[in-house]
Protein backbone atom coordinates (compact mmCIF):
# COMPACT_ATOMS: atom_id res chain seq x y z
CA UNK A 1 97.57 230.20 146.93
CA UNK A 2 96.07 232.39 144.23
CA UNK A 3 97.56 234.18 141.23
CA UNK A 4 98.24 237.42 143.12
CA UNK A 5 100.33 235.58 145.71
CA UNK A 6 102.52 233.93 143.08
CA UNK A 7 103.05 237.27 141.38
CA UNK A 8 104.18 238.83 144.66
CA UNK A 9 106.61 235.97 145.27
CA UNK A 10 108.12 236.37 141.80
CA UNK A 11 108.96 239.99 142.48
CA UNK A 12 110.77 239.31 145.75
CA UNK A 13 114.52 240.08 145.88
CA UNK A 14 115.33 236.38 146.27
CA UNK A 15 113.77 235.48 142.93
CA UNK A 16 115.47 238.45 141.25
CA UNK A 17 118.82 237.16 142.53
CA UNK A 18 118.05 233.76 141.00
CA UNK A 19 117.47 235.40 137.63
CA UNK A 20 120.90 237.07 137.67
CA UNK A 21 122.92 234.03 138.87
CA UNK A 22 123.93 232.84 135.38
CA UNK A 23 125.07 236.34 134.48
CA UNK A 24 127.11 236.63 137.66
CA UNK A 25 128.67 233.21 137.09
CA UNK A 26 129.65 234.26 133.58
CA UNK A 27 131.11 237.56 134.83
CA UNK A 28 133.07 235.84 137.60
CA UNK A 29 134.41 233.27 135.12
CA UNK A 30 135.48 236.04 132.73
CA UNK A 31 137.09 237.98 135.58
CA UNK A 32 138.95 234.87 136.73
CA UNK A 33 140.15 234.19 133.17
CA UNK A 34 141.30 237.81 132.80
CA UNK A 35 143.15 237.59 136.11
CA UNK A 36 144.94 234.40 135.06
CA UNK A 37 145.89 236.01 131.72
CA UNK A 38 147.31 239.08 133.48
CA UNK A 39 149.34 236.90 135.86
CA UNK A 40 150.72 234.88 132.95
CA UNK A 41 151.65 238.07 131.11
CA UNK A 42 153.42 239.37 134.20
CA UNK A 43 155.39 236.11 134.56
CA UNK A 44 156.68 236.06 130.97
CA UNK A 45 159.65 238.39 131.74
CA UNK A 46 160.54 236.30 134.80
CA UNK A 47 160.61 233.08 132.77
CA UNK A 48 162.50 234.79 129.95
CA UNK A 49 165.14 236.07 132.36
CA UNK A 50 165.46 232.60 133.89
CA UNK A 51 165.90 230.98 130.50
CA UNK A 52 168.46 233.62 129.52
CA UNK A 53 170.44 232.95 132.70
CA UNK A 54 170.39 229.21 131.99
CA UNK A 55 171.69 229.81 128.46
CA UNK A 56 174.49 232.05 129.76
CA UNK A 57 175.40 229.49 132.44
CA UNK A 58 175.44 226.73 129.80
CA UNK A 59 177.70 228.77 127.52
CA UNK A 60 180.06 229.49 130.42
CA UNK A 61 180.18 225.79 131.30
CA UNK A 62 180.96 224.85 127.69
CA UNK A 63 183.73 227.48 127.62
CA UNK A 64 185.11 226.34 131.00
CA UNK A 65 184.92 222.59 130.25
CA UNK A 66 188.33 222.33 128.50
CA UNK A 67 189.99 224.06 131.45
CA UNK A 68 188.41 221.57 133.85
CA UNK A 69 189.49 218.65 131.68
CA UNK A 70 193.09 219.89 131.53
CA UNK A 71 193.16 220.52 135.27
CA UNK A 72 192.01 216.97 135.96
CA UNK A 73 194.29 215.40 133.34
CA UNK A 74 197.32 213.32 134.29
CA UNK A 75 199.02 213.77 130.91
CA UNK A 76 200.69 217.06 131.81
CA UNK A 77 201.79 218.62 135.08
CA UNK A 78 203.09 221.83 136.56
CA UNK A 79 204.12 224.64 134.23
CA UNK A 80 203.08 222.81 131.09
CA UNK A 81 199.53 222.41 132.42
CA UNK A 82 199.47 226.11 133.31
CA UNK A 83 200.70 227.02 129.81
CA UNK A 84 197.96 224.90 128.19
CA UNK A 85 195.33 226.55 130.38
CA UNK A 86 196.61 230.00 129.40
CA UNK A 87 196.51 228.95 125.74
CA UNK A 88 192.89 227.85 126.16
CA UNK A 89 191.92 231.10 127.84
CA UNK A 90 193.47 233.20 125.06
CA UNK A 91 193.09 230.93 122.03
CA UNK A 92 189.92 229.10 123.06
CA UNK A 93 188.95 225.76 121.53
CA UNK A 94 191.83 225.58 119.05
CA UNK A 95 194.26 225.22 121.95
CA UNK A 96 192.13 222.42 123.40
CA UNK A 97 192.28 220.54 120.12
CA UNK A 98 196.05 221.06 120.03
CA UNK A 99 196.25 219.85 123.64
CA UNK A 100 194.64 216.54 122.75
CA UNK A 101 196.84 216.17 119.68
CA UNK A 102 200.19 217.30 121.13
CA UNK A 103 200.21 217.01 124.92
CA UNK A 104 202.58 216.29 126.56
CA UNK A 105 205.17 218.37 124.79
CA UNK A 106 208.06 216.76 126.70
CA UNK A 107 208.23 213.17 127.80
CA UNK A 108 207.94 212.57 131.51
CA UNK A 109 210.96 211.57 133.50
CA UNK A 110 209.98 208.28 135.01
CA UNK A 111 212.46 206.21 136.90
CA UNK A 112 212.21 202.49 136.53
CA UNK A 113 214.08 200.16 138.83
């Protein structure tokens, strides 16, 4: 093989492709990185909405917790339980504190034999 043959082989399309491989790898890596960044930016509102819904659900649970505790309580019954629940709905946490301090308002009628 002489010098002319090696020069012809260097100018073949296959060798030109080899020269541009690092550039193409860099461009494909940059394109992949840009694509991942765009996807992350598009998902930010979805995650934000999900977090907001979790916060709202947590606040509702904290507001509804005293009602659940009164409903499951054995200290009061009937109309008095309903009145305490109404007080909690309209007066919020202050009524719950009063419930734990004052309930039951009337003593229960228990028959002992």
